[in-house]
Amino acid sequence: MGKRFYKAASALIRTFSHRMTTEWEVPFEEGPCVFVANHVGAIGPVNMCTKFPMRDRCHPWINNGMLEAKEVPAYVRQDYWWRPGNIFEPLLNVTVPYIAAAILPPVLRSVQYIPVYHDQRIMLTLRQSIRALQKDDYLIIFPEQPSGWLTHHDWINTSWLRIGEMWYRASGRALKLYPVHIDRKKHLFRVAAPVYYDPARRFTEQEEELAGKLAKGIRGE
């Protein structure tokens, strides 16, 4: 598959789905950064990878389990791909996860992804992320945690924010974090003003503040 498949699939999605527009709260400044977006089910990642203006230089974080066919069914079930209690739930439970397992891994591997691990291999994720930023490319991270059908917890995951520390050590620069609210009804990317990781402060001193600003931005508040 590879890049040609990704470009062909992206073109098809853009042709046969709604066009997205982008609103920037402040003009975009070139340079390494992280786009932090709301998930909107599968719609968020698909739109960011196929329709976002900077998509060709973006590296989305993707759970490694979604890249491994044997692990995909468990992820599909825990991420609420259908409404709990749906009359067709028994059928969906034994079909959709396995269809996804056959289709998703090869499709996702065609993207310039960075695999996300949830064990000691997380350092591989962070090192790959720093290498991407050193090329003046961008990361895409979806920090929300699903709580039900098309709903998410009020809090967002924050452990990934430590990449700000690593980036400062590697480059001597503060990392820019752009909150992106994906509005599926208005077919809009609303990009808020960047939030900066402050290298002069400890991670624990700014974790809650950064999380609050990012959560507000990705929810379009």
N, C-alpha and C. Protein backbone atom coordinates (compact mmCIF):
# COMPACT_ATOMS: atom_id res chain seq x y z
N MET A 1 0.83 -1.18 0.00
CA MET A 1 0.00 0.00 0.00
C MET A 1 0.88 1.25 0.00
N GLY A 2 1.15 1.86 1.18
CA GLY A 2 2.04 2.99 1.23
C GLY A 2 1.42 4.30 0.80
N LYS A 3 2.30 5.23 0.39
CA LYS A 3 1.86 6.59 0.13
C LYS A 3 0.85 6.68 -1.00
N ARG A 4 1.03 5.87 -2.06
CA ARG A 4 0.10 5.96 -3.19
C ARG A 4 -1.30 5.56 -2.77
N PHE A 5 -1.39 4.52 -1.94
CA PHE A 5 -2.72 4.11 -1.46
C PHE A 5 -3.33 5.20 -0.60
N TYR A 6 -2.52 5.78 0.28
CA TYR A 6 -3.02 6.85 1.16
C TYR A 6 -3.54 8.02 0.34
N LYS A 7 -2.78 8.43 -0.67
CA LYS A 7 -3.20 9.57 -1.49
C LYS A 7 -4.47 9.25 -2.27
N ALA A 8 -4.57 8.02 -2.79
CA ALA A 8 -5.76 7.62 -3.54
C ALA A 8 -6.98 7.56 -2.63
N ALA A 9 -6.81 6.96 -1.45
CA ALA A 9 -7.92 6.85 -0.50
C ALA A 9 -8.36 8.24 -0.03
N SER A 10 -7.39 9.10 0.24
CA SER A 10 -7.71 10.46 0.68
C SER A 10 -8.50 11.21 -0.38
N ALA A 11 -8.08 11.06 -1.63
CA ALA A 11 -8.77 11.74 -2.73
C ALA A 11 -10.20 11.25 -2.86
N LEU A 12 -10.41 9.94 -2.69
CA LEU A 12 -11.76 9.38 -2.77
C LEU A 12 -12.64 9.92 -1.64
N ILE A 13 -12.09 9.96 -0.44
CA ILE A 13 -12.85 10.47 0.71
C ILE A 13 -13.23 11.93 0.49
N ARG A 14 -12.29 12.72 0.01
CA ARG A 14 -12.58 14.14 -0.23
C ARG A 14 -13.61 14.33 -1.34
N THR A 15 -13.59 13.43 -2.32
CA THR A 15 -14.51 13.54 -3.45
C THR A 15 -15.94 13.18 -3.05
N PHE A 16 -16.08 12.16 -2.22
CA PHE A 16 -17.41 11.64 -1.92
C PHE A 16 -17.92 11.97 -0.51
N SER A 17 -17.32 12.95 0.13
CA SER A 17 -17.80 13.38 1.44
C SER A 17 -17.79 14.91 1.50
N HIS A 18 -18.33 15.44 2.58
CA HIS A 18 -18.43 16.89 2.71
C HIS A 18 -17.05 17.56 2.74
N ARG A 19 -16.97 18.68 2.08
CA ARG A 19 -15.75 19.48 2.11
C ARG A 19 -15.64 20.16 3.48
N MET A 20 -14.44 20.19 4.03
CA MET A 20 -14.20 20.84 5.32
C MET A 20 -13.54 22.20 5.09
N THR A 21 -13.93 23.18 5.88
CA THR A 21 -13.24 24.47 5.87
C THR A 21 -12.47 24.62 7.18
N THR A 22 -11.53 25.53 7.19
CA THR A 22 -10.67 25.72 8.37
C THR A 22 -10.70 27.17 8.82
N GLU A 23 -10.95 27.37 10.11
CA GLU A 23 -10.92 28.71 10.70
C GLU A 23 -9.79 28.76 11.73
N TRP A 24 -8.89 29.73 11.57
CA TRP A 24 -7.78 29.90 12.50
C TRP A 24 -8.05 31.10 13.39
N GLU A 25 -7.94 30.92 14.69
CA GLU A 25 -8.11 32.06 15.60
C GLU A 25 -6.99 33.07 15.40
N VAL A 26 -5.79 32.57 15.14
CA VAL A 26 -4.65 33.42 14.80
C VAL A 26 -3.96 32.80 13.59
N PRO A 27 -3.27 33.58 12.76
CA PRO A 27 -2.59 33.02 11.59
C PRO A 27 -1.60 31.93 12.00
N PHE A 28 -1.55 30.87 11.21
CA PHE A 28 -0.65 29.76 11.51
C PHE A 28 0.79 30.17 11.26
N GLU A 29 1.67 29.80 12.19
CA GLU A 29 3.10 30.06 12.06
C GLU A 29 3.81 28.75 11.77
N GLU A 30 4.59 28.72 10.69
CA GLU A 30 5.33 27.52 10.33
C GLU A 30 6.23 27.09 11.48
N GLY A 31 6.47 25.80 11.56
CA GLY A 31 7.35 25.28 12.59
C GLY A 31 6.73 24.07 13.26
N PRO A 32 7.53 23.26 13.91
CA PRO A 32 7.04 22.04 14.56
C PRO A 32 5.99 22.35 15.60
N CYS A 33 4.95 21.53 15.63
CA CYS A 33 3.86 21.76 16.59
C CYS A 33 3.03 20.49 16.71
N VAL A 34 2.09 20.53 17.63
CA VAL A 34 1.15 19.42 17.84
C VAL A 34 -0.26 19.96 17.65
N PHE A 35 -1.04 19.29 16.80
CA PHE A 35 -2.46 19.59 16.67
C PHE A 35 -3.21 18.63 17.59
N VAL A 36 -3.93 19.18 18.55
CA VAL A 36 -4.62 18.39 19.57
C VAL A 36 -6.12 18.49 19.26
N ALA A 37 -6.72 17.38 18.84
CA ALA A 37 -8.09 17.43 18.31
C ALA A 37 -9.07 16.55 19.06
N ASN A 38 -10.36 16.92 18.94
CA ASN A 38 -11.41 16.05 19.48
C ASN A 38 -11.60 14.86 18.55
N HIS A 39 -12.09 13.76 19.10
CA HIS A 39 -12.10 12.49 18.38
C HIS A 39 -13.30 12.33 17.44
N VAL A 40 -14.48 12.70 17.90
CA VAL A 40 -15.72 12.58 17.11
C VAL A 40 -15.84 11.17 16.52
N GLY A 41 -15.67 10.16 17.36
CA GLY A 41 -15.71 8.79 16.85
C GLY A 41 -14.57 8.57 15.87
N ALA A 42 -14.87 7.89 14.76
CA ALA A 42 -13.86 7.67 13.73
C ALA A 42 -13.72 8.88 12.81
N ILE A 43 -14.68 9.81 12.88
CA ILE A 43 -14.71 10.95 11.96
C ILE A 43 -13.50 11.87 12.16
N GLY A 44 -13.14 12.12 13.42
CA GLY A 44 -12.04 13.03 13.70
C GLY A 44 -10.74 12.61 13.04
N PRO A 45 -10.25 11.40 13.33
CA PRO A 45 -9.00 10.95 12.70
C PRO A 45 -9.07 10.92 11.18
N VAL A 46 -10.19 10.47 10.62
CA VAL A 46 -10.33 10.42 9.16
C VAL A 46 -10.23 11.81 8.56
N ASN A 47 -10.97 12.76 9.14
CA ASN A 47 -10.95 14.12 8.60
C ASN A 47 -9.58 14.79 8.76
N MET A 48 -8.94 14.58 9.90
CA MET A 48 -7.62 15.20 10.11
C MET A 48 -6.59 14.64 9.13
N CYS A 49 -6.69 13.36 8.81
CA CYS A 49 -5.70 12.72 7.94
C CYS A 49 -5.98 12.92 6.46
N THR A 50 -7.21 13.27 6.10
CA THR A 50 -7.54 13.39 4.68
C THR A 50 -7.95 14.79 4.23
N LYS A 51 -8.35 15.66 5.18
CA LYS A 51 -8.89 16.96 4.79
C LYS A 51 -8.22 18.16 5.46
N PHE A 52 -7.47 17.92 6.51
CA PHE A 52 -6.83 19.03 7.22
C PHE A 52 -5.77 19.65 6.32
N PRO A 53 -5.65 20.98 6.28
CA PRO A 53 -4.72 21.64 5.35
C PRO A 53 -3.27 21.14 5.43
N MET A 54 -2.80 20.81 6.64
CA MET A 54 -1.40 20.40 6.80
C MET A 54 -1.22 18.89 6.78
N ARG A 55 -2.20 18.16 6.29
CA ARG A 55 -2.21 16.70 6.41
C ARG A 55 -0.95 16.01 5.87
N ASP A 56 -0.35 16.55 4.80
CA ASP A 56 0.80 15.88 4.19
C ASP A 56 2.04 15.90 5.07
N ARG A 57 2.05 16.77 6.08
CA ARG A 57 3.20 16.82 6.99
C ARG A 57 2.81 16.43 8.41
N CYS A 58 1.65 15.83 8.55
CA CYS A 58 1.15 15.43 9.87
C CYS A 58 1.43 13.96 10.15
N HIS A 59 1.74 13.68 11.40
CA HIS A 59 1.98 12.31 11.86
C HIS A 59 1.00 12.03 13.00
N PRO A 60 -0.10 11.37 12.73
CA PRO A 60 -1.06 11.08 13.80
C PRO A 60 -0.56 9.99 14.73
N TRP A 61 -0.83 10.17 16.01
CA TRP A 61 -0.60 9.10 16.97
C TRP A 61 -1.73 8.09 16.81
N ILE A 62 -1.38 6.83 16.64
CA ILE A 62 -2.37 5.76 16.48
C ILE A 62 -2.06 4.65 17.47
N ASN A 63 -3.06 4.23 18.23
CA ASN A 63 -2.88 3.11 19.16
C ASN A 63 -2.33 1.90 18.41
N ASN A 64 -1.23 1.35 18.92
CA ASN A 64 -0.62 0.22 18.23
C ASN A 64 -1.59 -0.95 18.08
N GLY A 65 -2.52 -1.08 19.02
CA GLY A 65 -3.51 -2.15 18.93
C GLY A 65 -4.36 -2.07 17.68
N MET A 66 -4.58 -0.85 17.16
CA MET A 66 -5.37 -0.68 15.95
C MET A 66 -4.57 -1.03 14.69
N LEU A 67 -3.29 -1.28 14.87
CA LEU A 67 -2.43 -1.66 13.75
C LEU A 67 -2.22 -3.16 13.69
N GLU A 68 -2.70 -3.86 14.72
CA GLU A 68 -2.54 -5.31 14.82
C GLU A 68 -3.91 -5.97 14.71
N ALA A 69 -4.11 -6.77 13.67
CA ALA A 69 -5.43 -7.36 13.40
C ALA A 69 -6.00 -8.11 14.60
N LYS A 70 -5.16 -8.83 15.34
CA LYS A 70 -5.68 -9.63 16.45
C LYS A 70 -6.14 -8.77 17.62
N GLU A 71 -5.69 -7.52 17.69
CA GLU A 71 -6.07 -6.64 18.80
C GLU A 71 -7.21 -5.69 18.46
N VAL A 72 -7.50 -5.52 17.17
CA VAL A 72 -8.52 -4.56 16.75
C VAL A 72 -9.90 -4.83 17.35
N PRO A 73 -10.40 -6.09 17.35
CA PRO A 73 -11.75 -6.33 17.88
C PRO A 73 -11.97 -5.77 19.29
N ALA A 74 -10.99 -5.94 20.17
CA ALA A 74 -11.15 -5.44 21.54
C ALA A 74 -11.24 -3.92 21.56
N TYR A 75 -10.45 -3.25 20.73
CA TYR A 75 -10.50 -1.78 20.65
C TYR A 75 -11.84 -1.31 20.12
N VAL A 76 -12.35 -1.98 19.11
CA VAL A 76 -13.64 -1.60 18.53
C VAL A 76 -14.74 -1.69 19.58
N ARG A 77 -14.74 -2.77 20.35
CA ARG A 77 -15.80 -2.95 21.36
C ARG A 77 -15.70 -1.93 22.49
N GLN A 78 -14.51 -1.58 22.90
CA GLN A 78 -14.37 -0.65 24.03
C GLN A 78 -14.54 0.81 23.60
N ASP A 79 -14.48 1.09 22.29
CA ASP A 79 -14.60 2.47 21.81
C ASP A 79 -16.02 2.83 21.37
N TYR A 80 -16.98 1.99 21.68
CA TYR A 80 -18.40 2.32 21.41
C TYR A 80 -18.65 2.65 19.93
N TRP A 81 -18.43 1.68 19.06
CA TRP A 81 -18.69 1.89 17.64
C TRP A 81 -20.18 1.83 17.32
N TRP A 82 -20.98 1.35 18.27
CA TRP A 82 -22.43 1.35 18.08
C TRP A 82 -23.08 1.66 19.42
N ARG A 83 -24.33 2.09 19.36
CA ARG A 83 -25.02 2.47 20.58
C ARG A 83 -25.31 1.24 21.45
N PRO A 84 -24.87 1.24 22.72
CA PRO A 84 -25.16 0.11 23.61
C PRO A 84 -26.67 -0.12 23.71
N GLY A 85 -27.08 -1.38 23.66
CA GLY A 85 -28.50 -1.70 23.73
C GLY A 85 -29.19 -1.69 22.38
N ASN A 86 -28.44 -1.37 21.32
CA ASN A 86 -28.99 -1.40 19.96
C ASN A 86 -29.57 -2.78 19.69
N ILE A 87 -30.72 -2.81 19.01
CA ILE A 87 -31.39 -4.09 18.74
C ILE A 87 -30.49 -5.03 17.95
N PHE A 88 -29.57 -4.46 17.17
CA PHE A 88 -28.67 -5.29 16.36
C PHE A 88 -27.33 -5.55 17.05
N GLU A 89 -27.23 -5.18 18.32
CA GLU A 89 -25.95 -5.30 19.01
C GLU A 89 -25.35 -6.70 18.97
N PRO A 90 -26.12 -7.77 19.18
CA PRO A 90 -25.53 -9.11 19.12
C PRO A 90 -24.88 -9.39 17.76
N LEU A 91 -25.54 -8.95 16.69
CA LEU A 91 -24.99 -9.15 15.35
C LEU A 91 -23.76 -8.27 15.13
N LEU A 92 -23.87 -7.01 15.54
CA LEU A 92 -22.75 -6.09 15.36
C LEU A 92 -21.52 -6.57 16.12
N ASN A 93 -21.74 -7.14 17.28
CA ASN A 93 -20.65 -7.58 18.15
C ASN A 93 -19.81 -8.70 17.53
N VAL A 94 -20.44 -9.49 16.66
CA VAL A 94 -19.71 -10.62 16.07
C VAL A 94 -19.34 -10.38 14.61
N THR A 95 -19.62 -9.19 14.10
CA THR A 95 -19.27 -8.89 12.71
C THR A 95 -18.35 -7.68 12.58
N VAL A 96 -18.80 -6.54 13.08
CA VAL A 96 -18.06 -5.29 12.89
C VAL A 96 -16.61 -5.36 13.39
N PRO A 97 -16.34 -5.88 14.60
CA PRO A 97 -14.95 -5.92 15.07
C PRO A 97 -14.02 -6.69 14.14
N TYR A 98 -14.54 -7.75 13.51
CA TYR A 98 -13.69 -8.59 12.67
C TYR A 98 -13.55 -8.02 11.25
N ILE A 99 -14.58 -7.32 10.80
CA ILE A 99 -14.45 -6.60 9.53
C ILE A 99 -13.41 -5.50 9.69
N ALA A 100 -13.50 -4.79 10.82
CA ALA A 100 -12.53 -3.73 11.10
C ALA A 100 -11.11 -4.29 11.20
N ALA A 101 -10.97 -5.48 11.79
CA ALA A 101 -9.66 -6.10 11.93
C ALA A 101 -9.04 -6.43 10.58
N ALA A 102 -9.88 -6.72 9.60
CA ALA A 102 -9.38 -7.05 8.26
C ALA A 102 -9.01 -5.80 7.47
N ILE A 103 -9.73 -4.71 7.72
CA ILE A 103 -9.57 -3.50 6.90
C ILE A 103 -8.64 -2.46 7.50
N LEU A 104 -8.80 -2.18 8.80
CA LEU A 104 -8.11 -1.04 9.39
C LEU A 104 -6.58 -1.11 9.42
N PRO A 105 -5.97 -2.22 9.86
CA PRO A 105 -4.50 -2.22 9.95
C PRO A 105 -3.79 -1.83 8.65
N PRO A 106 -4.13 -2.44 7.51
CA PRO A 106 -3.42 -2.02 6.28
C PRO A 106 -3.70 -0.58 5.88
N VAL A 107 -4.93 -0.11 6.14
CA VAL A 107 -5.26 1.28 5.81
C VAL A 107 -4.46 2.24 6.69
N LEU A 108 -4.47 1.98 8.00
CA LEU A 108 -3.77 2.87 8.93
C LEU A 108 -2.26 2.87 8.70
N ARG A 109 -1.73 1.74 8.27
CA ARG A 109 -0.29 1.65 8.03
C ARG A 109 0.15 2.46 6.81
N SER A 110 -0.81 2.88 6.00
CA SER A 110 -0.47 3.69 4.82
C SER A 110 -0.27 5.16 5.18
N VAL A 111 -0.64 5.53 6.42
CA VAL A 111 -0.50 6.90 6.90
C VAL A 111 0.88 7.08 7.54
N GLN A 112 1.37 8.32 7.61
CA GLN A 112 2.64 8.60 8.29
C GLN A 112 2.41 8.56 9.80
N TYR A 113 2.03 7.42 10.30
CA TYR A 113 1.60 7.30 11.69
C TYR A 113 2.77 7.15 12.65
N ILE A 114 2.48 7.40 13.92
CA ILE A 114 3.40 7.09 15.01
C ILE A 114 2.65 6.15 15.94
N PRO A 115 3.12 4.91 16.10
CA PRO A 115 2.41 3.95 16.95
C PRO A 115 2.50 4.34 18.43
N VAL A 116 1.38 4.22 19.11
CA VAL A 116 1.33 4.55 20.54
C VAL A 116 1.24 3.26 21.35
N TYR A 117 2.21 3.07 22.22
CA TYR A 117 2.25 1.88 23.08
C TYR A 117 1.84 2.27 24.49
N HIS A 118 1.35 1.28 25.23
CA HIS A 118 0.90 1.54 26.60
C HIS A 118 1.71 0.71 27.59
N ASP A 119 2.98 0.53 27.28
CA ASP A 119 3.91 -0.17 28.17
C ASP A 119 5.26 0.53 28.06
N GLN A 120 6.33 -0.19 28.38
CA GLN A 120 7.65 0.45 28.38
C GLN A 120 8.07 0.95 27.00
N ARG A 121 7.38 0.47 25.96
CA ARG A 121 7.72 0.91 24.60
C ARG A 121 7.23 2.32 24.30
N ILE A 122 6.58 2.96 25.25
CA ILE A 122 6.11 4.34 25.03
C ILE A 122 7.28 5.26 24.68
N MET A 123 8.49 4.90 25.11
CA MET A 123 9.66 5.72 24.76
C MET A 123 9.90 5.71 23.26
N LEU A 124 9.54 4.61 22.59
CA LEU A 124 9.65 4.56 21.13
C LEU A 124 8.71 5.59 20.50
N THR A 125 7.51 5.68 21.06
CA THR A 125 6.53 6.66 20.57
C THR A 125 7.08 8.07 20.71
N LEU A 126 7.64 8.36 21.86
CA LEU A 126 8.15 9.70 22.12
C LEU A 126 9.36 10.03 21.25
N ARG A 127 10.25 9.06 21.06
CA ARG A 127 11.43 9.32 20.22
C ARG A 127 11.03 9.55 18.77
N GLN A 128 10.09 8.75 18.27
CA GLN A 128 9.61 8.95 16.90
C GLN A 128 8.97 10.32 16.75
N SER A 129 8.26 10.74 17.78
CA SER A 129 7.60 12.05 17.75
C SER A 129 8.63 13.17 17.67
N ILE A 130 9.69 13.07 18.46
CA ILE A 130 10.74 14.09 18.43
C ILE A 130 11.40 14.13 17.06
N ARG A 131 11.63 12.96 16.45
CA ARG A 131 12.25 12.94 15.12
C ARG A 131 11.36 13.64 14.10
N ALA A 132 10.05 13.42 14.20
CA ALA A 132 9.12 14.08 13.28
C ALA A 132 9.16 15.60 13.47
N LEU A 133 9.18 16.04 14.72
CA LEU A 133 9.23 17.48 15.00
C LEU A 133 10.55 18.09 14.52
N GLN A 134 11.63 17.33 14.61
CA GLN A 134 12.93 17.83 14.16
C GLN A 134 12.96 18.06 12.66
N LYS A 135 12.06 17.41 11.93
CA LYS A 135 11.94 17.62 10.48
C LYS A 135 10.99 18.77 10.17
N ASP A 136 10.57 19.50 11.21
CA ASP A 136 9.59 20.58 11.07
C ASP A 136 8.22 20.06 10.64
N ASP A 137 7.94 18.81 10.97
CA ASP A 137 6.63 18.24 10.71
C ASP A 137 5.74 18.44 11.93
N TYR A 138 4.51 17.90 11.83
CA TYR A 138 3.52 18.12 12.88
C TYR A 138 2.99 16.79 13.41
N LEU A 139 2.57 16.80 14.66
CA LEU A 139 1.92 15.64 15.26
C LEU A 139 0.43 15.92 15.37
N ILE A 140 -0.37 14.85 15.32
CA ILE A 140 -1.80 14.94 15.62
C ILE A 140 -2.08 14.00 16.78
N ILE A 141 -2.66 14.52 17.84
CA ILE A 141 -2.97 13.70 19.02
C ILE A 141 -4.42 13.91 19.41
N PHE A 142 -5.10 12.80 19.71
CA PHE A 142 -6.51 12.84 20.14
C PHE A 142 -6.54 12.40 21.61
N PRO A 143 -6.59 13.34 22.56
CA PRO A 143 -6.43 12.99 23.98
C PRO A 143 -7.72 12.64 24.72
N GLU A 144 -8.86 12.68 24.04
CA GLU A 144 -10.11 12.39 24.73
C GLU A 144 -10.24 10.90 25.03
N GLN A 145 -11.01 10.58 26.05
CA GLN A 145 -11.27 9.20 26.44
C GLN A 145 -12.76 8.94 26.33
N PRO A 146 -13.19 7.98 25.47
CA PRO A 146 -14.63 7.73 25.31
C PRO A 146 -15.28 7.27 26.60
N SER A 147 -16.50 7.76 26.83
CA SER A 147 -17.26 7.36 28.02
C SER A 147 -18.57 6.68 27.65
N GLY A 148 -18.87 6.67 26.37
CA GLY A 148 -20.11 6.08 25.89
C GLY A 148 -20.30 6.37 24.42
N TRP A 149 -21.48 6.11 23.91
CA TRP A 149 -21.80 6.33 22.50
C TRP A 149 -21.68 7.82 22.15
N LEU A 150 -20.65 8.16 21.34
CA LEU A 150 -20.41 9.54 20.89
C LEU A 150 -20.24 10.53 22.05
N THR A 151 -19.80 10.05 23.21
CA THR A 151 -19.54 10.93 24.35
C THR A 151 -18.14 10.65 24.89
N HIS A 152 -17.58 11.64 25.58
CA HIS A 152 -16.25 11.50 26.15
C HIS A 152 -16.23 12.06 27.57
N HIS A 153 -15.27 11.61 28.35
CA HIS A 153 -15.10 12.13 29.71
C HIS A 153 -14.75 13.62 29.65
N ASP A 154 -15.02 14.33 30.75
CA ASP A 154 -14.69 15.76 30.82
C ASP A 154 -13.18 15.98 30.80
N TRP A 155 -12.44 15.04 31.34
CA TRP A 155 -10.99 15.18 31.40
C TRP A 155 -10.35 14.63 30.12
N ILE A 156 -9.12 15.05 29.87
CA ILE A 156 -8.38 14.51 28.74
C ILE A 156 -7.09 13.87 29.25
N ASN A 157 -6.57 12.93 28.48
CA ASN A 157 -5.30 12.31 28.83
C ASN A 157 -4.19 13.36 28.76
N THR A 158 -3.28 13.33 29.70
CA THR A 158 -2.23 14.35 29.75
C THR A 158 -0.81 13.81 29.76
N SER A 159 -0.63 12.50 29.90
CA SER A 159 0.73 11.96 30.01
C SER A 159 1.57 12.31 28.78
N TRP A 160 0.92 12.41 27.62
CA TRP A 160 1.64 12.73 26.38
C TRP A 160 2.27 14.12 26.42
N LEU A 161 1.78 15.00 27.31
CA LEU A 161 2.30 16.36 27.37
C LEU A 161 3.78 16.42 27.75
N ARG A 162 4.29 15.32 28.29
CA ARG A 162 5.72 15.31 28.65
C ARG A 162 6.61 15.43 27.41
N ILE A 163 6.02 15.27 26.25
CA ILE A 163 6.79 15.47 25.03
C ILE A 163 7.31 16.90 24.96
N GLY A 164 6.62 17.82 25.65
CA GLY A 164 7.08 19.20 25.70
C GLY A 164 8.45 19.32 26.35
N GLU A 165 8.67 18.53 27.42
CA GLU A 165 9.98 18.51 28.09
C GLU A 165 11.05 17.98 27.15
N MET A 166 10.72 16.87 26.49
CA MET A 166 11.68 16.23 25.59
C MET A 166 12.03 17.14 24.42
N TRP A 167 11.02 17.82 23.90
CA TRP A 167 11.26 18.70 22.76
C TRP A 167 12.16 19.87 23.16
N TYR A 168 11.97 20.40 24.34
CA TYR A 168 12.82 21.51 24.79
C TYR A 168 14.26 21.04 24.95
N ARG A 169 14.45 19.85 25.52
CA ARG A 169 15.81 19.33 25.68
C ARG A 169 16.48 19.09 24.33
N ALA A 170 15.68 18.69 23.33
CA ALA A 170 16.24 18.38 22.01
C ALA A 170 16.47 19.62 21.16
N SER A 171 15.65 20.65 21.36
CA SER A 171 15.69 21.80 20.45
C SER A 171 15.95 23.15 21.11
N GLY A 172 15.70 23.23 22.43
CA GLY A 172 15.82 24.51 23.11
C GLY A 172 14.65 25.43 22.85
N ARG A 173 13.55 24.86 22.29
CA ARG A 173 12.37 25.66 21.96
C ARG A 173 11.14 25.16 22.70
N ALA A 174 10.21 26.07 22.95
CA ALA A 174 8.94 25.69 23.58
C ALA A 174 8.04 25.06 22.52
N LEU A 175 7.33 24.02 22.88
CA LEU A 175 6.47 23.31 21.93
C LEU A 175 5.11 23.99 21.84
N LYS A 176 4.66 24.22 20.59
CA LYS A 176 3.35 24.81 20.34
C LYS A 176 2.29 23.71 20.25
N LEU A 177 1.17 23.93 20.91
CA LEU A 177 0.07 22.97 20.90
C LEU A 177 -1.18 23.70 20.39
N TYR A 178 -1.67 23.30 19.23
CA TYR A 178 -2.85 23.94 18.64
C TYR A 178 -4.10 23.11 18.94
N PRO A 179 -5.04 23.60 19.74
CA PRO A 179 -6.31 22.88 19.93
C PRO A 179 -7.15 22.96 18.66
N VAL A 180 -7.69 21.83 18.22
CA VAL A 180 -8.52 21.78 17.02
C VAL A 180 -9.89 21.21 17.38
N HIS A 181 -10.93 21.99 17.14
CA HIS A 181 -12.30 21.49 17.34
C HIS A 181 -12.85 21.09 15.98
N ILE A 182 -13.19 19.81 15.84
CA ILE A 182 -13.77 19.31 14.59
C ILE A 182 -15.28 19.35 14.74
N ASP A 183 -15.91 20.23 13.99
CA ASP A 183 -17.36 20.40 14.03
C ASP A 183 -17.96 19.62 12.87
N ARG A 184 -18.49 18.44 13.16
CA ARG A 184 -18.98 17.58 12.07
C ARG A 184 -20.26 18.11 11.45
N LYS A 185 -21.04 18.90 12.19
CA LYS A 185 -22.29 19.44 11.62
C LYS A 185 -22.01 20.60 10.67
N LYS A 186 -21.05 21.44 11.03
CA LYS A 186 -20.71 22.59 10.19
C LYS A 186 -19.58 22.27 9.20
N HIS A 187 -19.05 21.04 9.30
CA HIS A 187 -17.95 20.61 8.43
C HIS A 187 -16.79 21.61 8.52
N LEU A 188 -16.32 21.78 9.77
CA LEU A 188 -15.37 22.84 10.05
C LEU A 188 -14.26 22.38 10.99
N PHE A 189 -13.02 22.78 10.68
CA PHE A 189 -11.91 22.68 11.62
C PHE A 189 -11.77 24.06 12.25
N ARG A 190 -11.99 24.17 13.55
CA ARG A 190 -11.79 25.45 14.23
C ARG A 190 -10.51 25.34 15.06
N VAL A 191 -9.47 26.04 14.63
CA VAL A 191 -8.17 25.94 15.28
C VAL A 191 -7.97 27.14 16.21
N ALA A 192 -7.85 26.86 17.49
CA ALA A 192 -7.68 27.92 18.49
C ALA A 192 -6.23 28.41 18.51
N ALA A 193 -6.00 29.52 19.18
CA ALA A 193 -4.64 30.04 19.33
C ALA A 193 -3.77 29.00 20.04
N PRO A 194 -2.50 28.91 19.69
CA PRO A 194 -1.66 27.88 20.28
C PRO A 194 -1.45 28.06 21.78
N VAL A 195 -1.31 26.93 22.44
CA VAL A 195 -0.94 26.88 23.86
C VAL A 195 0.52 26.42 23.88
N TYR A 196 1.33 27.03 24.71
CA TYR A 196 2.75 26.70 24.74
C TYR A 196 3.12 25.93 26.00
N TYR A 197 3.90 24.86 25.81
CA TYR A 197 4.50 24.18 26.95
C TYR A 197 5.60 25.08 27.49
N ASP A 198 5.57 25.37 28.78
CA ASP A 198 6.52 26.29 29.39
C ASP A 198 7.71 25.52 29.96
N PRO A 199 8.87 25.57 29.31
CA PRO A 199 10.02 24.81 29.80
C PRO A 199 10.58 25.33 31.12
N ALA A 200 10.16 26.53 31.53
CA ALA A 200 10.65 27.09 32.79
C ALA A 200 9.90 26.54 33.99
N ARG A 201 8.81 25.81 33.73
CA ARG A 201 8.00 25.25 34.82
C ARG A 201 8.04 23.73 34.78
N ARG A 202 7.88 23.12 35.93
CA ARG A 202 7.81 21.67 35.99
C ARG A 202 6.52 21.18 35.35
N PHE A 203 6.58 19.95 34.87
CA PHE A 203 5.40 19.37 34.23
C PHE A 203 4.20 19.39 35.17
N THR A 204 4.41 18.98 36.42
CA THR A 204 3.31 18.91 37.37
C THR A 204 2.72 20.28 37.69
N GLU A 205 3.52 21.34 37.52
CA GLU A 205 3.05 22.69 37.81
C GLU A 205 2.12 23.23 36.72
N GLN A 206 2.23 22.68 35.52
CA GLN A 206 1.43 23.22 34.41
C GLN A 206 0.49 22.19 33.78
N GLU A 207 0.56 20.95 34.24
CA GLU A 207 -0.25 19.89 33.64
C GLU A 207 -1.74 20.23 33.63
N GLU A 208 -2.27 20.61 34.78
CA GLU A 208 -3.71 20.90 34.89
C GLU A 208 -4.09 22.12 34.05
N GLU A 209 -3.25 23.13 34.06
CA GLU A 209 -3.53 24.36 33.29
C GLU A 209 -3.56 24.07 31.79
N LEU A 210 -2.55 23.32 31.32
CA LEU A 210 -2.50 22.97 29.90
C LEU A 210 -3.70 22.13 29.50
N ALA A 211 -4.04 21.15 30.34
CA ALA A 211 -5.18 20.28 30.05
C ALA A 211 -6.46 21.09 29.94
N GLY A 212 -6.65 22.06 30.84
CA GLY A 212 -7.85 22.88 30.81
C GLY A 212 -7.95 23.71 29.54
N LYS A 213 -6.84 24.33 29.14
CA LYS A 213 -6.85 25.16 27.93
C LYS A 213 -7.08 24.31 26.68
N LEU A 214 -6.43 23.16 26.63
CA LEU A 214 -6.58 22.29 25.46
C LEU A 214 -7.98 21.72 25.38
N ALA A 215 -8.52 21.27 26.52
CA ALA A 215 -9.87 20.70 26.54
C ALA A 215 -10.89 21.73 26.07
N LYS A 216 -10.72 22.96 26.51
CA LYS A 216 -11.64 24.03 26.11
C LYS A 216 -11.56 24.26 24.60
N GLY A 217 -10.35 24.24 24.07
CA GLY A 217 -10.18 24.47 22.64
C GLY A 217 -10.71 23.36 21.76
N ILE A 218 -10.47 22.11 22.14
CA ILE A 218 -10.91 21.01 21.28
C ILE A 218 -12.42 20.81 21.35
N ARG A 219 -13.06 21.38 22.37
CA ARG A 219 -14.52 21.30 22.46
C ARG A 219 -15.19 22.55 21.88
N GLY A 220 -14.39 23.46 21.36
CA GLY A 220 -14.94 24.63 20.71
C GLY A 220 -15.57 25.63 21.65
N GLU A 221 -15.10 25.67 22.90
CA GLU A 221 -15.68 26.57 23.90
C GLU A 221 -14.99 27.94 23.91
